[in-house]
Amino acid sequence: MTLRLAVALDSSSFDAPEWISRVRGADEAGLDFVTIEDGFGRHGPDAVLVASRVAPLTRDIGLVPVATTTHTEPFHLSTALATLDWVSRGRAGWQVRVSPDPAEFALVGIREPLGVEDLLAEAGDAVEVVRRLWDSWQDDAIVKDVATGRFIDRERLHYIDFAGRFFSVKGPSIVPRSPQGQPVVTALAHSAAVWDALDADLFFVTPSDVDGAARIVRRIPAGRKVFADLVVAANPVPSDAAVFTGDTEQLADLIAGWEPSGISGFRLRPGTPDDLTSITRDLVPVLRERGLFRPSPGGTLRERLGLPVAVNRYEGAVHA
């Protein structure tokens, strides 16, 4: 069994060539995807827009931006991420994020800060709405019938009619169903509260060793992909995840040692641009030589990760 491999990109730079260079380097190395860090109140570019900027200039790599559910309407999230899936030809994902910081609530100024339980409940509803909206156009909704002047078959568009505690959304989406149907939904999960609340395809977890990774894999619901986060840095840094500071061969040894835990792969968090270069230029060839990693032939991100085809929930349904 080979492991899948991703890297986390985190920069406040607004320099497009810098982002393009980093993502292209990961693409050329054959990595499965990059995540692009973001926060509602932080200084830096919008992660979804960064992903959209680099999408036409990359070939195979998945693009997974962070986007918060706390201060962003799920309808807007669904359209932005579906558009990214179109622009990238099926390589889009989404890392769900909640925003507990009271200062971020103050930026919006329309409600009081929420506790963690409510934030996760709201995020769970948001993921459900986004997924329903992605399905609200059936695959054959666009007919382009010149003779009758019909562009869309209304019978293949569906109201989602979601009404919940935090918001209500009628739908349908304003974006046709994208190449993947359902872009890959991911989330960082430090506890069961996250994987219990969110309908994600993939969870990033932060075990400290192989035994901890195995325990987490056993607890996460079957069918979900589990990636272990690992900070790769030349010098020790404080982090929620395990930190590695050795050389390339030692890092390959660590990755090999964690393979029996049942994780699907690793998300490596480089401490600096030089650490990213070390991963793409030095580590990947070693992992390929050892048979621990090989670039996936999958065209979409779902295919690369071995996720099933996303069947539209409205398939065969009568217009609602």
C-alpha atoms as a PDB file:
ATOM      1  CA  MET A   1       0.000   0.000   0.000  1.00  0.00           C
ATOM      2  CA  THR A   2       1.262   3.457  -0.899  1.00  0.00           C
ATOM      3  CA  LEU A   3       0.396   6.549   1.079  1.00  0.00           C
ATOM      4  CA  ARG A   4      -1.121   9.711  -0.369  1.00  0.00           C
ATOM      5  CA  LEU A   5       0.797  12.928   0.225  1.00  0.00           C
ATOM      6  CA  ALA A   6      -0.226  16.576   0.597  1.00  0.00           C
ATOM      7  CA  VAL A   7       1.368  19.807   1.753  1.00  0.00           C
ATOM      8  CA  ALA A   8      -0.117  22.737   3.645  1.00  0.00           C
ATOM      9  CA  LEU A   9       0.683  26.191   2.267  1.00  0.00           C
ATOM     10  CA  ASP A  10       0.482  29.146   4.632  1.00  0.00           C
ATOM     11  CA  SER A  11       1.512  32.643   3.579  1.00  0.00           C
ATOM     12  CA  SER A  12       0.187  36.177   3.925  1.00  0.00           C
ATOM     13  CA  SER A  13       1.758  37.147   0.602  1.00  0.00           C
ATOM     14  CA  PHE A  14      -0.364  38.775  -2.112  1.00  0.00           C
ATOM     15  CA  ASP A  15       2.331  37.990  -4.698  1.00  0.00           C
ATOM     16  CA  ALA A  16       0.673  35.736  -7.294  1.00  0.00           C
ATOM     17  CA  PRO A  17       3.959  34.432  -8.819  1.00  0.00           C
ATOM     18  CA  GLU A  18       5.018  33.252  -5.345  1.00  0.00           C
ATOM     19  CA  TRP A  19       1.843  31.188  -4.923  1.00  0.00           C
ATOM     20  CA  ILE A  20       2.055  29.877  -8.477  1.00  0.00           C
ATOM     21  CA  SER A  21       5.667  28.773  -7.977  1.00  0.00           C
ATOM     22  CA  ARG A  22       4.916  26.887  -4.758  1.00  0.00           C
ATOM     23  CA  VAL A  23       1.846  25.092  -6.053  1.00  0.00           C
ATOM     24  CA  ARG A  24       3.554  24.237  -9.351  1.00  0.00           C
ATOM     25  CA  GLY A  25       6.484  22.749  -7.426  1.00  0.00           C
ATOM     26  CA  ALA A  26       4.093  20.482  -5.516  1.00  0.00           C
ATOM     27  CA  ASP A  27       2.285  19.640  -8.768  1.00  0.00           C
ATOM     28  CA  GLU A  28       5.484  18.704 -10.582  1.00  0.00           C
ATOM     29  CA  ALA A  29       6.506  16.509  -7.639  1.00  0.00           C
ATOM     30  CA  GLY A  30       3.282  14.532  -8.072  1.00  0.00           C
ATOM     31  CA  LEU A  31       1.739  15.397  -4.708  1.00  0.00           C
ATOM     32  CA  ASP A  32      -1.967  14.702  -4.397  1.00  0.00           C
ATOM     33  CA  PHE A  33      -3.109  18.100  -3.164  1.00  0.00           C
ATOM     34  CA  VAL A  34      -2.217  21.301  -1.387  1.00  0.00           C
ATOM     35  CA  THR A  35      -4.256  22.992   1.300  1.00  0.00           C
ATOM     36  CA  ILE A  36      -4.228  26.785   1.338  1.00  0.00           C
ATOM     37  CA  GLU A  37      -4.481  28.347   4.782  1.00  0.00           C
ATOM     38  CA  ASP A  38      -6.820  31.209   5.577  1.00  0.00           C
ATOM     39  CA  GLY A  39      -8.606  32.890   8.458  1.00  0.00           C
ATOM     40  CA  PHE A  40     -11.507  35.289   8.478  1.00  0.00           C
ATOM     41  CA  GLY A  41      -9.716  38.092  10.271  1.00  0.00           C
ATOM     42  CA  ARG A  42      -6.131  37.544   9.247  1.00  0.00           C
ATOM     43  CA  HIS A  43      -3.996  39.578   6.857  1.00  0.00           C
ATOM     44  CA  GLY A  44      -3.538  37.801   3.565  1.00  0.00           C
ATOM     45  CA  PRO A  45      -5.282  36.779   0.344  1.00  0.00           C
ATOM     46  CA  ASP A  46      -8.525  34.840   0.217  1.00  0.00           C
ATOM     47  CA  ALA A  47      -7.643  31.143  -0.073  1.00  0.00           C
ATOM     48  CA  VAL A  48     -10.430  30.290  -2.522  1.00  0.00           C
ATOM     49  CA  LEU A  49      -9.276  33.095  -4.819  1.00  0.00           C
ATOM     50  CA  VAL A  50      -5.660  31.909  -4.563  1.00  0.00           C
ATOM     51  CA  ALA A  51      -6.761  28.411  -5.589  1.00  0.00           C
ATOM     52  CA  SER A  52      -8.722  29.849  -8.495  1.00  0.00           C
ATOM     53  CA  ARG A  53      -5.679  31.867  -9.604  1.00  0.00           C
ATOM     54  CA  VAL A  54      -3.319  28.876  -9.678  1.00  0.00           C
ATOM     55  CA  ALA A  55      -5.845  26.356 -11.053  1.00  0.00           C
ATOM     56  CA  PRO A  56      -5.387  27.143 -14.778  1.00  0.00           C
ATOM     57  CA  LEU A  57      -1.601  27.103 -14.341  1.00  0.00           C
ATOM     58  CA  THR A  58      -1.368  23.651 -12.751  1.00  0.00           C
ATOM     59  CA  ARG A  59      -2.080  20.227 -14.172  1.00  0.00           C
ATOM     60  CA  ASP A  60      -2.887  17.448 -11.693  1.00  0.00           C
ATOM     61  CA  ILE A  61      -2.666  18.629  -8.102  1.00  0.00           C
ATOM     62  CA  GLY A  62      -5.773  19.025  -5.959  1.00  0.00           C
ATOM     63  CA  LEU A  63      -6.519  22.503  -4.600  1.00  0.00           C
ATOM     64  CA  VAL A  64      -8.087  22.624  -1.129  1.00  0.00           C
ATOM     65  CA  PRO A  65      -8.588  26.134   0.266  1.00  0.00           C
ATOM     66  CA  VAL A  66      -9.673  26.882   3.822  1.00  0.00           C
ATOM     67  CA  ALA A  67     -13.010  28.689   4.091  1.00  0.00           C
ATOM     68  CA  THR A  68     -14.880  29.496   7.275  1.00  0.00           C
ATOM     69  CA  THR A  69     -18.514  28.565   7.847  1.00  0.00           C
ATOM     70  CA  THR A  70     -18.881  30.975  10.754  1.00  0.00           C
ATOM     71  CA  HIS A  71     -19.013  34.240   8.813  1.00  0.00           C
ATOM     72  CA  THR A  72     -19.715  33.023   5.270  1.00  0.00           C
ATOM     73  CA  GLU A  73     -23.098  32.123   3.820  1.00  0.00           C
ATOM     74  CA  PRO A  74     -23.231  28.482   2.669  1.00  0.00           C
ATOM     75  CA  PHE A  75     -24.820  29.517  -0.640  1.00  0.00           C
ATOM     76  CA  HIS A  76     -21.767  31.655  -1.404  1.00  0.00           C
ATOM     77  CA  LEU A  77     -19.415  28.870  -0.328  1.00  0.00           C
ATOM     78  CA  SER A  78     -21.143  26.376  -2.599  1.00  0.00           C
ATOM     79  CA  THR A  79     -20.935  28.622  -5.660  1.00  0.00           C
ATOM     80  CA  ALA A  80     -17.300  29.615  -5.069  1.00  0.00           C
ATOM     81  CA  LEU A  81     -16.135  26.032  -4.566  1.00  0.00           C
ATOM     82  CA  ALA A  82     -18.179  24.652  -7.468  1.00  0.00           C
ATOM     83  CA  THR A  83     -16.661  27.353  -9.669  1.00  0.00           C
ATOM     84  CA  LEU A  84     -13.186  26.326  -8.460  1.00  0.00           C
ATOM     85  CA  ASP A  85     -14.006  22.754  -9.446  1.00  0.00           C
ATOM     86  CA  TRP A  86     -14.909  23.923 -12.954  1.00  0.00           C
ATOM     87  CA  VAL A  87     -11.788  26.109 -13.258  1.00  0.00           C
ATOM     88  CA  SER A  88      -9.524  23.276 -12.064  1.00  0.00           C
ATOM     89  CA  ARG A  89     -11.289  20.575 -14.122  1.00  0.00           C
ATOM     90  CA  GLY A  90     -12.286  18.539 -11.104  1.00  0.00           C
ATOM     91  CA  ARG A  91      -9.440  19.160  -8.661  1.00  0.00           C
ATOM     92  CA  ALA A  92     -11.246  21.223  -6.010  1.00  0.00           C
ATOM     93  CA  GLY A  93     -11.672  20.562  -2.329  1.00  0.00           C
ATOM     94  CA  TRP A  94     -12.629  22.532   0.752  1.00  0.00           C
ATOM     95  CA  GLN A  95     -11.138  22.605   4.246  1.00  0.00           C
ATOM     96  CA  VAL A  96     -13.972  23.554   6.582  1.00  0.00           C
ATOM     97  CA  ARG A  97     -13.025  26.037   9.297  1.00  0.00           C
ATOM     98  CA  VAL A  98     -14.906  27.599  12.216  1.00  0.00           C
ATOM     99  CA  SER A  99     -14.015  30.986  13.703  1.00  0.00           C
ATOM    100  CA  PRO A 100     -14.259  31.177  17.512  1.00  0.00           C
ATOM    101  CA  ASP A 101     -12.299  34.434  17.835  1.00  0.00           C
ATOM    102  CA  PRO A 102     -14.527  37.202  19.322  1.00  0.00           C
ATOM    103  CA  ALA A 103     -12.522  39.778  17.339  1.00  0.00           C
ATOM    104  CA  GLU A 104     -13.712  38.141  14.121  1.00  0.00           C
ATOM    105  CA  PHE A 105     -17.322  38.320  15.285  1.00  0.00           C
ATOM    106  CA  ALA A 106     -16.737  41.998  16.023  1.00  0.00           C
ATOM    107  CA  LEU A 107     -15.615  42.546  12.435  1.00  0.00           C
ATOM    108  CA  VAL A 108     -19.054  41.436  11.269  1.00  0.00           C
ATOM    109  CA  GLY A 109     -21.006  42.869  14.185  1.00  0.00           C
ATOM    110  CA  ILE A 110     -24.315  41.069  13.660  1.00  0.00           C
ATOM    111  CA  ARG A 111     -24.312  38.545  16.523  1.00  0.00           C
ATOM    112  CA  GLU A 112     -22.569  37.519  19.715  1.00  0.00           C
ATOM    113  CA  PRO A 113     -19.691  34.982  19.617  1.00  0.00           C
ATOM    114  CA  LEU A 114     -20.729  31.326  19.623  1.00  0.00           C
ATOM    115  CA  GLY A 115     -19.333  28.512  21.745  1.00  0.00           C
ATOM    116  CA  VAL A 116     -17.481  25.619  20.141  1.00  0.00           C
ATOM    117  CA  GLU A 117     -20.502  23.305  20.230  1.00  0.00           C
ATOM    118  CA  ASP A 118     -22.664  25.838  18.400  1.00  0.00           C
ATOM    119  CA  LEU A 119     -19.886  26.648  15.932  1.00  0.00           C
ATOM    120  CA  LEU A 120     -19.598  22.975  14.999  1.00  0.00           C
ATOM    121  CA  ALA A 121     -23.374  22.600  14.766  1.00  0.00           C
ATOM    122  CA  GLU A 122     -23.496  25.578  12.415  1.00  0.00           C
ATOM    123  CA  ALA A 123     -20.608  24.138  10.383  1.00  0.00           C
ATOM    124  CA  GLY A 124     -22.413  20.809  10.142  1.00  0.00           C
ATOM    125  CA  ASP A 125     -25.501  22.530   8.769  1.00  0.00           C
ATOM    126  CA  ALA A 126     -23.364  24.558   6.354  1.00  0.00           C
ATOM    127  CA  VAL A 127     -21.702  21.427   4.958  1.00  0.00           C
ATOM    128  CA  GLU A 128     -25.131  19.829   4.510  1.00  0.00           C
ATOM    129  CA  VAL A 129     -26.447  22.881   2.649  1.00  0.00           C
ATOM    130  CA  VAL A 130     -23.356  23.107   0.440  1.00  0.00           C
ATOM    131  CA  ARG A 131     -23.604  19.428  -0.450  1.00  0.00           C
ATOM    132  CA  ARG A 132     -27.308  19.737  -1.302  1.00  0.00           C
ATOM    133  CA  LEU A 133     -26.646  22.771  -3.482  1.00  0.00           C
ATOM    134  CA  TRP A 134     -23.876  20.918  -5.341  1.00  0.00           C
ATOM    135  CA  ASP A 135     -26.482  18.270  -6.176  1.00  0.00           C
ATOM    136  CA  SER A 136     -29.292  20.702  -7.001  1.00  0.00           C
ATOM    137  CA  TRP A 137     -28.426  20.564 -10.718  1.00  0.00           C
ATOM    138  CA  GLN A 138     -28.576  17.063 -12.128  1.00  0.00           C
ATOM    139  CA  ASP A 139     -25.765  16.114 -14.484  1.00  0.00           C
ATOM    140  CA  ASP A 140     -27.969  16.453 -17.567  1.00  0.00           C
ATOM    141  CA  ALA A 141     -29.772  19.654 -16.522  1.00  0.00           C
ATOM    142  CA  ILE A 142     -28.229  21.647 -19.387  1.00  0.00           C
ATOM    143  CA  VAL A 143     -29.915  20.599 -22.622  1.00  0.00           C
ATOM    144  CA  LYS A 144     -29.040  23.430 -25.074  1.00  0.00           C
ATOM    145  CA  ASP A 145     -32.059  22.653 -27.237  1.00  0.00           C
ATOM    146  CA  VAL A 146     -31.814  25.172 -30.084  1.00  0.00           C
ATOM    147  CA  ALA A 147     -35.091  24.093 -31.675  1.00  0.00           C
ATOM    148  CA  THR A 148     -37.143  24.958 -28.597  1.00  0.00           C
ATOM    149  CA  GLY A 149     -34.866  27.677 -27.238  1.00  0.00           C
ATOM    150  CA  ARG A 150     -34.366  25.787 -23.967  1.00  0.00           C
ATOM    151  CA  PHE A 151     -30.966  25.972 -22.281  1.00  0.00           C
ATOM    152  CA  ILE A 152     -31.963  24.222 -19.038  1.00  0.00           C
ATOM    153  CA  ASP A 153     -34.415  21.442 -18.281  1.00  0.00           C
ATOM    154  CA  ARG A 154     -36.258  22.820 -15.243  1.00  0.00           C
ATOM    155  CA  GLU A 155     -37.276  19.300 -14.246  1.00  0.00           C
ATOM    156  CA  ARG A 156     -33.614  18.594 -13.478  1.00  0.00           C
ATOM    157  CA  LEU A 157     -33.116  21.548 -11.117  1.00  0.00           C
ATOM    158  CA  HIS A 158     -34.165  21.100  -7.501  1.00  0.00           C
ATOM    159  CA  TYR A 159     -35.020  23.288  -4.536  1.00  0.00           C
ATOM    160  CA  ILE A 160     -33.099  22.093  -1.500  1.00  0.00           C
ATOM    161  CA  ASP A 161     -35.529  23.761   0.948  1.00  0.00           C
ATOM    162  CA  PHE A 162     -33.180  23.636   3.936  1.00  0.00           C
ATOM    163  CA  ALA A 163     -34.441  25.250   7.142  1.00  0.00           C
ATOM    164  CA  GLY A 164     -32.250  24.999  10.207  1.00  0.00           C
ATOM    165  CA  ARG A 165     -31.337  26.760  13.402  1.00  0.00           C
ATOM    166  CA  PHE A 166     -28.717  29.041  11.835  1.00  0.00           C
ATOM    167  CA  PHE A 167     -30.025  29.722   8.327  1.00  0.00           C
ATOM    168  CA  SER A 168     -32.498  28.660   5.678  1.00  0.00           C
ATOM    169  CA  VAL A 169     -31.682  28.131   2.007  1.00  0.00           C
ATOM    170  CA  LYS A 170     -34.144  27.406  -0.774  1.00  0.00           C
ATOM    171  CA  GLY A 171     -31.849  26.895  -3.767  1.00  0.00           C
ATOM    172  CA  PRO A 172     -31.146  25.707  -6.361  1.00  0.00           C
ATOM    173  CA  SER A 173     -27.552  26.707  -6.967  1.00  0.00           C
ATOM    174  CA  ILE A 174     -26.644  29.263  -9.622  1.00  0.00           C
ATOM    175  CA  VAL A 175     -23.692  27.095 -10.761  1.00  0.00           C
ATOM    176  CA  PRO A 176     -24.201  23.883 -12.763  1.00  0.00           C
ATOM    177  CA  ARG A 177     -23.087  20.653 -11.140  1.00  0.00           C
ATOM    178  CA  SER A 178     -19.302  20.610 -11.289  1.00  0.00           C
ATOM    179  CA  PRO A 179     -16.953  17.938 -12.723  1.00  0.00           C
ATOM    180  CA  GLN A 180     -16.640  16.040  -9.430  1.00  0.00           C
ATOM    181  CA  GLY A 181     -20.278  16.569  -8.491  1.00  0.00           C
ATOM    182  CA  GLN A 182     -19.107  16.843  -4.905  1.00  0.00           C
ATOM    183  CA  PRO A 183     -15.703  18.504  -4.412  1.00  0.00           C
ATOM    184  CA  VAL A 184     -13.734  16.879  -1.598  1.00  0.00           C
ATOM    185  CA  VAL A 185     -14.723  18.154   1.864  1.00  0.00           C
ATOM    186  CA  THR A 186     -11.981  18.069   4.508  1.00  0.00           C
ATOM    187  CA  ALA A 187     -11.551  19.257   8.088  1.00  0.00           C
ATOM    188  CA  LEU A 188      -8.892  19.408  10.778  1.00  0.00           C
ATOM    189  CA  ALA A 189     -10.119  17.227  13.643  1.00  0.00           C
ATOM    190  CA  HIS A 190      -8.521  17.433  17.065  1.00  0.00           C
ATOM    191  CA  SER A 191     -11.365  15.495  18.684  1.00  0.00           C
ATOM    192  CA  ALA A 192     -14.413  13.346  18.021  1.00  0.00           C
ATOM    193  CA  ALA A 193     -16.589  16.461  18.255  1.00  0.00           C
ATOM    194  CA  VAL A 194     -15.385  17.441  14.776  1.00  0.00           C
ATOM    195  CA  TRP A 195     -15.831  14.142  12.953  1.00  0.00           C
ATOM    196  CA  ASP A 196     -19.178  13.611  14.679  1.00  0.00           C
ATOM    197  CA  ALA A 197     -20.444  17.020  13.535  1.00  0.00           C
ATOM    198  CA  LEU A 198     -19.105  17.276   9.979  1.00  0.00           C
ATOM    199  CA  ASP A 199     -19.913  15.190   6.927  1.00  0.00           C
ATOM    200  CA  ALA A 200     -16.365  15.340   5.565  1.00  0.00           C
ATOM    201  CA  ASP A 201     -14.645  13.008   3.131  1.00  0.00           C
ATOM    202  CA  LEU A 202     -11.229  13.441   4.748  1.00  0.00           C
ATOM    203  CA  PHE A 203     -10.019  14.416   8.208  1.00  0.00           C
ATOM    204  CA  PHE A 204      -6.621  15.826   9.114  1.00  0.00           C
ATOM    205  CA  VAL A 205      -5.562  14.566  12.556  1.00  0.00           C
ATOM    206  CA  THR A 206      -2.638  15.393  14.828  1.00  0.00           C
ATOM    207  CA  PRO A 207      -1.342  12.255  16.578  1.00  0.00           C
ATOM    208  CA  SER A 208       2.045  12.324  18.231  1.00  0.00           C
ATOM    209  CA  ASP A 209       3.083   8.801  17.209  1.00  0.00           C
ATOM    210  CA  VAL A 210       2.012   5.733  15.238  1.00  0.00           C
ATOM    211  CA  ASP A 211      -0.002   4.279  18.121  1.00  0.00           C
ATOM    212  CA  GLY A 212      -1.943   7.511  18.497  1.00  0.00           C
ATOM    213  CA  ALA A 213      -2.610   7.531  14.762  1.00  0.00           C
ATOM    214  CA  ALA A 214      -3.947   3.964  14.892  1.00  0.00           C
ATOM    215  CA  ARG A 215      -6.296   4.818  17.780  1.00  0.00           C
ATOM    216  CA  ILE A 216      -7.719   7.779  15.870  1.00  0.00           C
ATOM    217  CA  VAL A 217      -8.208   5.769  12.680  1.00  0.00           C
ATOM    218  CA  ARG A 218     -10.238   3.195  14.626  1.00  0.00           C
ATOM    219  CA  ARG A 219     -12.527   5.934  16.002  1.00  0.00           C
ATOM    220  CA  ILE A 220     -13.270   7.842  12.808  1.00  0.00           C
ATOM    221  CA  PRO A 221     -16.323   6.570  10.874  1.00  0.00           C
ATOM    222  CA  ALA A 222     -15.597   4.033   8.150  1.00  0.00           C
ATOM    223  CA  GLY A 223     -15.255   5.333   4.616  1.00  0.00           C
ATOM    224  CA  ARG A 224     -13.503   8.548   5.617  1.00  0.00           C
ATOM    225  CA  LYS A 225      -9.905   9.217   4.624  1.00  0.00           C
ATOM    226  CA  VAL A 226      -7.523  10.082   7.462  1.00  0.00           C
ATOM    227  CA  PHE A 227      -4.354  12.126   6.927  1.00  0.00           C
ATOM    228  CA  ALA A 228      -1.842  12.668   9.722  1.00  0.00           C
ATOM    229  CA  ASP A 229      -0.485  16.210   9.993  1.00  0.00           C
ATOM    230  CA  LEU A 230       3.259  16.524  10.454  1.00  0.00           C
ATOM    231  CA  VAL A 231       5.197  19.785  10.739  1.00  0.00           C
ATOM    232  CA  VAL A 232       8.477  19.642   8.811  1.00  0.00           C
ATOM    233  CA  ALA A 233      10.857  22.356   9.974  1.00  0.00           C
ATOM    234  CA  ALA A 234      14.584  22.912  10.262  1.00  0.00           C
ATOM    235  CA  ASN A 235      14.123  24.074  13.855  1.00  0.00           C
ATOM    236  CA  PRO A 236      11.614  23.079  16.552  1.00  0.00           C
ATOM    237  CA  VAL A 237       8.433  25.168  16.490  1.00  0.00           C
ATOM    238  CA  PRO A 238       5.329  25.134  18.699  1.00  0.00           C
ATOM    239  CA  SER A 239       2.483  23.291  16.989  1.00  0.00           C
ATOM    240  CA  ASP A 240      -0.708  21.290  17.548  1.00  0.00           C
ATOM    241  CA  ALA A 241       0.829  18.520  15.395  1.00  0.00           C
ATOM    242  CA  ALA A 242       3.990  16.437  15.731  1.00  0.00           C
ATOM    243  CA  VAL A 243       7.136  18.310  14.670  1.00  0.00           C
ATOM    244  CA  PHE A 244       9.948  16.714  12.666  1.00  0.00           C
ATOM    245  CA  THR A 245      13.394  18.343  12.455  1.00  0.00           C
ATOM    246  CA  GLY A 246      15.642  15.619  11.021  1.00  0.00           C
ATOM    247  CA  ASP A 247      16.993  14.883   7.541  1.00  0.00           C
ATOM    248  CA  THR A 248      15.219  13.454   4.508  1.00  0.00           C
ATOM    249  CA  GLU A 249      16.081   9.804   5.169  1.00  0.00           C
ATOM    250  CA  GLN A 250      14.883  10.096   8.762  1.00  0.00           C
ATOM    251  CA  LEU A 251      11.626  11.667   7.604  1.00  0.00           C
ATOM    252  CA  ALA A 252      11.114   8.810   5.148  1.00  0.00           C
ATOM    253  CA  ASP A 253      11.758   6.370   8.008  1.00  0.00           C
ATOM    254  CA  LEU A 254       9.099   8.093  10.120  1.00  0.00           C
ATOM    255  CA  ILE A 255       6.561   7.974   7.302  1.00  0.00           C
ATOM    256  CA  ALA A 256       7.304   4.282   6.738  1.00  0.00           C
ATOM    257  CA  GLY A 257       6.903   3.623  10.446  1.00  0.00           C
ATOM    258  CA  TRP A 258       3.452   5.213  10.533  1.00  0.00           C
ATOM    259  CA  GLU A 259       2.098   3.332   7.508  1.00  0.00           C
ATOM    260  CA  PRO A 260       0.762   0.379   9.577  1.00  0.00           C
ATOM    261  CA  SER A 261      -1.484   2.742  11.562  1.00  0.00           C
ATOM    262  CA  GLY A 262      -4.096   2.674   8.790  1.00  0.00           C
ATOM    263  CA  ILE A 263      -3.848   6.343   7.842  1.00  0.00           C
ATOM    264  CA  SER A 264      -4.500   7.199   4.208  1.00  0.00           C
ATOM    265  CA  GLY A 265      -1.608   9.615   3.980  1.00  0.00           C
ATOM    266  CA  PHE A 266       0.262  12.584   5.393  1.00  0.00           C
ATOM    267  CA  ARG A 267      -0.261  16.308   5.159  1.00  0.00           C
ATOM    268  CA  LEU A 268       3.168  17.844   5.627  1.00  0.00           C
ATOM    269  CA  ARG A 269       3.285  21.381   6.987  1.00  0.00           C
ATOM    270  CA  PRO A 270       6.559  23.018   5.881  1.00  0.00           C
ATOM    271  CA  GLY A 271       7.919  25.595   8.296  1.00  0.00           C
ATOM    272  CA  THR A 272       9.545  27.701   5.551  1.00  0.00           C
ATOM    273  CA  PRO A 273       9.683  27.828   1.738  1.00  0.00           C
ATOM    274  CA  ASP A 274      13.006  25.976   1.964  1.00  0.00           C
ATOM    275  CA  ASP A 275      11.289  23.174   3.886  1.00  0.00           C
ATOM    276  CA  LEU A 276       8.684  22.974   1.109  1.00  0.00           C
ATOM    277  CA  THR A 277      11.456  22.665  -1.477  1.00  0.00           C
ATOM    278  CA  SER A 278      13.075  19.924   0.581  1.00  0.00           C
ATOM    279  CA  ILE A 279       9.788  17.997   0.567  1.00  0.00           C
ATOM    280  CA  THR A 280       9.169  18.279  -3.168  1.00  0.00           C
ATOM    281  CA  ARG A 281      12.769  17.980  -4.363  1.00  0.00           C
ATOM    282  CA  ASP A 282      14.345  15.597  -1.836  1.00  0.00           C
ATOM    283  CA  LEU A 283      11.702  13.666   0.101  1.00  0.00           C
ATOM    284  CA  VAL A 284       9.372  12.633  -2.719  1.00  0.00           C
ATOM    285  CA  PRO A 285      12.088  10.812  -4.730  1.00  0.00           C
ATOM    286  CA  VAL A 286      13.121   8.882  -1.602  1.00  0.00           C
ATOM    287  CA  LEU A 287       9.528   7.876  -0.854  1.00  0.00           C
ATOM    288  CA  ARG A 288       9.027   6.770  -4.467  1.00  0.00           C
ATOM    289  CA  GLU A 289      12.238   4.733  -4.374  1.00  0.00           C
ATOM    290  CA  ARG A 290      11.035   2.981  -1.222  1.00  0.00           C
ATOM    291  CA  GLY A 291       7.590   2.305  -2.690  1.00  0.00           C
ATOM    292  CA  LEU A 292       5.863   4.451  -0.073  1.00  0.00           C
ATOM    293  CA  PHE A 293       4.447   6.982  -2.527  1.00  0.00           C
ATOM    294  CA  ARG A 294       3.652   7.195  -6.199  1.00  0.00           C
ATOM    295  CA  PRO A 295       1.769   9.895  -8.089  1.00  0.00           C
ATOM    296  CA  SER A 296      -1.851   8.948  -8.619  1.00  0.00           C
ATOM    297  CA  PRO A 297      -3.121   8.540 -12.182  1.00  0.00           C
ATOM    298  CA  GLY A 298      -6.530   9.917 -11.148  1.00  0.00           C
ATOM    299  CA  GLY A 299      -7.763  12.930 -13.060  1.00  0.00           C
ATOM    300  CA  THR A 300     -10.017  14.394 -10.359  1.00  0.00           C
ATOM    301  CA  LEU A 301      -9.160  14.876  -6.709  1.00  0.00           C
ATOM    302  CA  ARG A 302     -11.791  12.304  -5.723  1.00  0.00           C
ATOM    303  CA  GLU A 303     -10.127   9.784  -8.043  1.00  0.00           C
ATOM    304  CA  ARG A 304      -6.665  10.578  -6.717  1.00  0.00           C
ATOM    305  CA  LEU A 305      -7.836   9.905  -3.164  1.00  0.00           C
ATOM    306  CA  GLY A 306      -9.785   6.765  -4.017  1.00  0.00           C
ATOM    307  CA  LEU A 307     -13.129   8.294  -3.103  1.00  0.00           C
ATOM    308  CA  PRO A 308     -16.268   6.921  -4.766  1.00  0.00           C
ATOM    309  CA  VAL A 309     -18.055   8.713  -7.588  1.00  0.00           C
ATOM    310  CA  ALA A 310     -20.451  11.263  -6.096  1.00  0.00           C
ATOM    311  CA  VAL A 311     -23.922  10.096  -7.120  1.00  0.00           C
ATOM    312  CA  ASN A 312     -26.435  12.941  -7.273  1.00  0.00           C
ATOM    313  CA  ARG A 313     -29.043  12.545  -4.536  1.00  0.00           C
ATOM    314  CA  TYR A 314     -31.725  13.792  -6.928  1.00  0.00           C
ATOM    315  CA  GLU A 315     -30.915  11.293  -9.677  1.00  0.00           C
ATOM    316  CA  GLY A 316     -34.183   9.890 -10.947  1.00  0.00           C
ATOM    317  CA  ALA A 317     -36.200  12.352  -8.887  1.00  0.00           C
ATOM    318  CA  VAL A 318     -39.172  14.303 -10.211  1.00  0.00           C
ATOM    319  CA  HIS A 319     -38.826  18.124 -10.214  1.00  0.00           C
ATOM    320  CA  ALA A 320     -39.273  19.481  -6.673  1.00  0.00           C
END
